[in-house]
C-alpha cells in the first residue's frame, strides 16, 4: 500500500537517528509509512527524514514557518554546523506536509512543525529505539500503545 502523498524516497536517502544512519529501501519506506500501527506524527517525521536528510534533532526543532508548502521549500536555520541553508523539497513532501498541517488545524507559524500524539514537541529520548521498533512493526499488526518518553 502506498501513501497518498509521499512519492518514492530518494534512493540515496537516509535517516539519521542518534549516531546511526539508516538507508531505507523503497519497500521498507512504503511499509513504514503505510503502517497504521505507527502514529501518523512519527510516520510523517520518518518520511521527511528519509526524503530530505536532516538530522532528527534538526527536524524536531523545525517550526511551521520553516517550511513553505506552496513553493515546496524548507529552511533549516539551526543545525550542527551552524550553517543555515534552504532547499527545494522532494516531490510529494510539500503536499504531505500541507496535509499534516491541515490535520493539525493549520498551526501558527511559530508552532513546531512536528508534534507527538499529544500535540507536544517531540521528545527525542529513545528515538533510535523507537525508529527500530517502527521498522520492525508490520502494517497488518494491530496498533500498540506508543508513548513519547
C-alpha atoms as a PDB file:
ATOM      1  CA  UNK A   1       0.000   0.000   0.000  1.00  0.00           C
ATOM      2  CA  UNK A   2       1.398   3.401  -0.966  1.00  0.00           C
ATOM      3  CA  UNK A   3       0.936   6.602   0.947  1.00  0.00           C
ATOM      4  CA  UNK A   4      -1.392   9.151  -0.632  1.00  0.00           C
ATOM      5  CA  UNK A   5       1.203  11.909  -0.793  1.00  0.00           C
ATOM      6  CA  UNK A   6       4.724  10.576  -0.441  1.00  0.00           C
ATOM      7  CA  UNK A   7       6.429   9.676  -3.659  1.00  0.00           C
ATOM      8  CA  UNK A   8       9.303   7.244  -3.866  1.00  0.00           C
ATOM      9  CA  UNK A   9      12.116   8.106  -1.492  1.00  0.00           C
ATOM     10  CA  UNK A  10      15.408   9.258  -2.844  1.00  0.00           C
ATOM     11  CA  UNK A  11      17.396   6.038  -3.404  1.00  0.00           C
ATOM     12  CA  UNK A  12      20.334   7.736  -1.724  1.00  0.00           C
ATOM     13  CA  UNK A  13      18.091   8.960   1.111  1.00  0.00           C
ATOM     14  CA  UNK A  14      18.957   8.133   4.663  1.00  0.00           C
ATOM     15  CA  UNK A  15      17.510   8.600   8.108  1.00  0.00           C
ATOM     16  CA  UNK A  16      19.952   9.866  10.711  1.00  0.00           C
ATOM     17  CA  UNK A  17      18.722   8.893  14.170  1.00  0.00           C
ATOM     18  CA  UNK A  18      21.141   9.407  17.003  1.00  0.00           C
ATOM     19  CA  UNK A  19      24.509   8.309  15.673  1.00  0.00           C
ATOM     20  CA  UNK A  20      23.077   5.787  13.245  1.00  0.00           C
ATOM     21  CA  UNK A  21      22.495   6.397   9.548  1.00  0.00           C
ATOM     22  CA  UNK A  22      19.841   4.101   8.145  1.00  0.00           C
ATOM     23  CA  UNK A  23      19.224   3.842   4.425  1.00  0.00           C
ATOM     24  CA  UNK A  24      15.686   2.730   3.751  1.00  0.00           C
ATOM     25  CA  UNK A  25      14.809   0.895   0.576  1.00  0.00           C
ATOM     26  CA  UNK A  26      11.563   1.647  -1.213  1.00  0.00           C
ATOM     27  CA  UNK A  27       9.864  -1.415   0.252  1.00  0.00           C
ATOM     28  CA  UNK A  28      10.924  -0.559   3.819  1.00  0.00           C
ATOM     29  CA  UNK A  29       9.885   3.061   3.371  1.00  0.00           C
ATOM     30  CA  UNK A  30       6.493   2.091   1.932  1.00  0.00           C
ATOM     31  CA  UNK A  31       5.889  -0.421   4.729  1.00  0.00           C
ATOM     32  CA  UNK A  32       6.872   2.126   7.386  1.00  0.00           C
ATOM     33  CA  UNK A  33       4.611   4.871   6.015  1.00  0.00           C
ATOM     34  CA  UNK A  34       1.679   2.504   5.428  1.00  0.00           C
ATOM     35  CA  UNK A  35       1.729   1.037   8.924  1.00  0.00           C
ATOM     36  CA  UNK A  36      -1.322   2.386  10.732  1.00  0.00           C
ATOM     37  CA  UNK A  37       0.084   0.801  13.887  1.00  0.00           C
ATOM     38  CA  UNK A  38       2.622   3.632  13.928  1.00  0.00           C
ATOM     39  CA  UNK A  39       1.222   7.023  14.935  1.00  0.00           C
ATOM     40  CA  UNK A  40       0.910   9.400  11.978  1.00  0.00           C
ATOM     41  CA  UNK A  41       3.138  12.010  13.629  1.00  0.00           C
ATOM     42  CA  UNK A  42       6.063   9.560  13.553  1.00  0.00           C
ATOM     43  CA  UNK A  43       5.354   8.395  10.002  1.00  0.00           C
ATOM     44  CA  UNK A  44       5.403  11.986   8.744  1.00  0.00           C
ATOM     45  CA  UNK A  45       8.687  12.620  10.562  1.00  0.00           C
ATOM     46  CA  UNK A  46      10.306   9.401   9.264  1.00  0.00           C
ATOM     47  CA  UNK A  47       9.108  10.198   5.729  1.00  0.00           C
ATOM     48  CA  UNK A  48      10.646  13.674   5.816  1.00  0.00           C
ATOM     49  CA  UNK A  49      13.921  12.367   7.234  1.00  0.00           C
ATOM     50  CA  UNK A  50      14.219   9.708   4.538  1.00  0.00           C
ATOM     51  CA  UNK A  51      13.494  12.139   1.710  1.00  0.00           C
ATOM     52  CA  UNK A  52      15.190  15.338   2.864  1.00  0.00           C
ATOM     53  CA  UNK A  53      18.061  14.147   5.055  1.00  0.00           C
ATOM     54  CA  UNK A  54      18.125  16.458   8.065  1.00  0.00           C
ATOM     55  CA  UNK A  55      19.210  15.027  11.389  1.00  0.00           C
ATOM     56  CA  UNK A  56      16.318  14.065  13.635  1.00  0.00           C
ATOM     57  CA  UNK A  57      17.247  16.806  16.121  1.00  0.00           C
ATOM     58  CA  UNK A  58      17.223  19.385  13.320  1.00  0.00           C
ATOM     59  CA  UNK A  59      13.824  18.193  12.085  1.00  0.00           C
ATOM     60  CA  UNK A  60      12.367  18.191  15.605  1.00  0.00           C
ATOM     61  CA  UNK A  61      13.394  21.859  16.015  1.00  0.00           C
ATOM     62  CA  UNK A  62      11.686  22.968  12.798  1.00  0.00           C
ATOM     63  CA  UNK A  63       8.798  25.377  13.088  1.00  0.00           C
ATOM     64  CA  UNK A  64       5.847  25.718  10.717  1.00  0.00           C
ATOM     65  CA  UNK A  65       7.396  28.940   9.361  1.00  0.00           C
ATOM     66  CA  UNK A  66      10.484  26.998   8.239  1.00  0.00           C
ATOM     67  CA  UNK A  67       8.572  25.203   5.507  1.00  0.00           C
ATOM     68  CA  UNK A  68       6.868  26.800   2.512  1.00  0.00           C
ATOM     69  CA  UNK A  69       4.404  24.182   1.327  1.00  0.00           C
ATOM     70  CA  UNK A  70       3.214  26.392  -1.540  1.00  0.00           C
ATOM     71  CA  UNK A  71       6.700  26.756  -3.042  1.00  0.00           C
ATOM     72  CA  UNK A  72       7.946  23.380  -1.817  1.00  0.00           C
ATOM     73  CA  UNK A  73      10.901  24.703   0.157  1.00  0.00           C
ATOM     74  CA  UNK A  74      12.465  24.095   3.553  1.00  0.00           C
ATOM     75  CA  UNK A  75      14.719  26.435   5.536  1.00  0.00           C
ATOM     76  CA  UNK A  76      16.994  24.978   8.204  1.00  0.00           C
ATOM     77  CA  UNK A  77      18.284  27.822  10.375  1.00  0.00           C
ATOM     78  CA  UNK A  78      19.766  25.830  13.271  1.00  0.00           C
ATOM     79  CA  UNK A  79      21.916  22.824  12.554  1.00  0.00           C
ATOM     80  CA  UNK A  80      25.015  21.026  13.747  1.00  0.00           C
ATOM     81  CA  UNK A  81      27.399  23.039  11.582  1.00  0.00           C
ATOM     82  CA  UNK A  82      25.762  26.401  12.373  1.00  0.00           C
ATOM     83  CA  UNK A  83      25.346  26.849   8.610  1.00  0.00           C
ATOM     84  CA  UNK A  84      21.779  27.939   7.741  1.00  0.00           C
ATOM     85  CA  UNK A  85      20.563  26.523   4.454  1.00  0.00           C
ATOM     86  CA  UNK A  86      17.428  26.145   2.368  1.00  0.00           C
ATOM     87  CA  UNK A  87      16.452  23.729  -0.368  1.00  0.00           C
ATOM     88  CA  UNK A  88      13.609  22.603  -2.591  1.00  0.00           C
ATOM     89  CA  UNK A  89      11.637  19.694  -1.154  1.00  0.00           C
ATOM     90  CA  UNK A  90      11.471  16.355  -2.933  1.00  0.00           C
ATOM     91  CA  UNK A  91       8.258  15.763  -4.907  1.00  0.00           C
ATOM     92  CA  UNK A  92       5.422  14.687  -2.654  1.00  0.00           C
ATOM     93  CA  UNK A  93       6.861  16.147   0.552  1.00  0.00           C
ATOM     94  CA  UNK A  94       5.158  19.561   0.325  1.00  0.00           C
ATOM     95  CA  UNK A  95       1.665  18.048  -0.239  1.00  0.00           C
ATOM     96  CA  UNK A  96       2.261  15.607   2.637  1.00  0.00           C
ATOM     97  CA  UNK A  97       3.313  18.424   4.971  1.00  0.00           C
ATOM     98  CA  UNK A  98       0.349  20.548   3.821  1.00  0.00           C
ATOM     99  CA  UNK A  99      -1.998  17.679   4.733  1.00  0.00           C
ATOM    100  CA  UNK A 100      -0.181  17.160   8.057  1.00  0.00           C
ATOM    101  CA  UNK A 101      -0.584  20.837   8.949  1.00  0.00           C
ATOM    102  CA  UNK A 102      -4.252  20.795   7.895  1.00  0.00           C
ATOM    103  CA  UNK A 103      -4.874  17.802  10.178  1.00  0.00           C
ATOM    104  CA  UNK A 104      -3.352  19.852  12.984  1.00  0.00           C
ATOM    105  CA  UNK A 105      -5.672  22.787  12.262  1.00  0.00           C
ATOM    106  CA  UNK A 106      -3.041  24.876  10.435  1.00  0.00           C
ATOM    107  CA  UNK A 107      -0.983  25.893  13.465  1.00  0.00           C
ATOM    108  CA  UNK A 108       0.612  29.337  13.855  1.00  0.00           C
ATOM    109  CA  UNK A 109       3.978  29.931  12.142  1.00  0.00           C
ATOM    110  CA  UNK A 110       5.937  29.724  15.402  1.00  0.00           C
ATOM    111  CA  UNK A 111       4.463  26.309  16.292  1.00  0.00           C
ATOM    112  CA  UNK A 112       6.633  23.190  15.994  1.00  0.00           C
ATOM    113  CA  UNK A 113       6.350  21.516  12.599  1.00  0.00           C
ATOM    114  CA  UNK A 114       6.415  18.091  14.226  1.00  0.00           C
ATOM    115  CA  UNK A 115       4.472  17.212  17.363  1.00  0.00           C
ATOM    116  CA  UNK A 116       3.809  13.929  19.135  1.00  0.00           C
ATOM    117  CA  UNK A 117       0.470  12.186  19.647  1.00  0.00           C
ATOM    118  CA  UNK A 118      -0.401  14.630  22.439  1.00  0.00           C
ATOM    119  CA  UNK A 119       0.349  17.704  20.325  1.00  0.00           C
ATOM    120  CA  UNK A 120       3.579  18.466  22.201  1.00  0.00           C
ATOM    121  CA  UNK A 121       7.029  18.955  20.719  1.00  0.00           C
ATOM    122  CA  UNK A 122       8.775  15.608  20.226  1.00  0.00           C
ATOM    123  CA  UNK A 123      10.998  14.231  22.928  1.00  0.00           C
ATOM    124  CA  UNK A 124      13.887  12.599  21.119  1.00  0.00           C
ATOM    125  CA  UNK A 125      14.913  10.468  24.043  1.00  0.00           C
ATOM    126  CA  UNK A 126      15.000   6.862  22.817  1.00  0.00           C
ATOM    127  CA  UNK A 127      14.294   7.967  19.212  1.00  0.00           C
ATOM    128  CA  UNK A 128      16.698   5.375  17.783  1.00  0.00           C
ATOM    129  CA  UNK A 129      14.966   2.568  19.675  1.00  0.00           C
ATOM    130  CA  UNK A 130      11.566   3.863  18.551  1.00  0.00           C
ATOM    131  CA  UNK A 131      12.732   4.004  14.936  1.00  0.00           C
ATOM    132  CA  UNK A 132      13.988   0.412  15.076  1.00  0.00           C
ATOM    133  CA  UNK A 133      10.706  -0.726  16.656  1.00  0.00           C
ATOM    134  CA  UNK A 134       8.714   1.097  13.983  1.00  0.00           C
ATOM    135  CA  UNK A 135      10.774  -0.518  11.221  1.00  0.00           C
ATOM    136  CA  UNK A 136      10.063  -3.955  12.673  1.00  0.00           C
ATOM    137  CA  UNK A 137       6.327  -3.357  13.013  1.00  0.00           C
ATOM    138  CA  UNK A 138       4.320  -4.922  10.224  1.00  0.00           C
ATOM    139  CA  UNK A 139       1.485  -2.904   8.612  1.00  0.00           C
ATOM    140  CA  UNK A 140      -1.080  -5.599   9.376  1.00  0.00           C
ATOM    141  CA  UNK A 141      -0.174  -5.786  13.055  1.00  0.00           C
ATOM    142  CA  UNK A 142      -2.708  -4.331  15.470  1.00  0.00           C
ATOM    143  CA  UNK A 143      -1.777  -0.885  16.777  1.00  0.00           C
ATOM    144  CA  UNK A 144       0.133  -0.901  20.018  1.00  0.00           C
ATOM    145  CA  UNK A 145       0.192   1.952  22.501  1.00  0.00           C
ATOM    146  CA  UNK A 146       3.034   4.264  21.614  1.00  0.00           C
ATOM    147  CA  UNK A 147       4.224   6.639  24.271  1.00  0.00           C
ATOM    148  CA  UNK A 148       6.629   9.519  23.999  1.00  0.00           C
ATOM    149  CA  UNK A 149       9.092   9.167  26.886  1.00  0.00           C
END
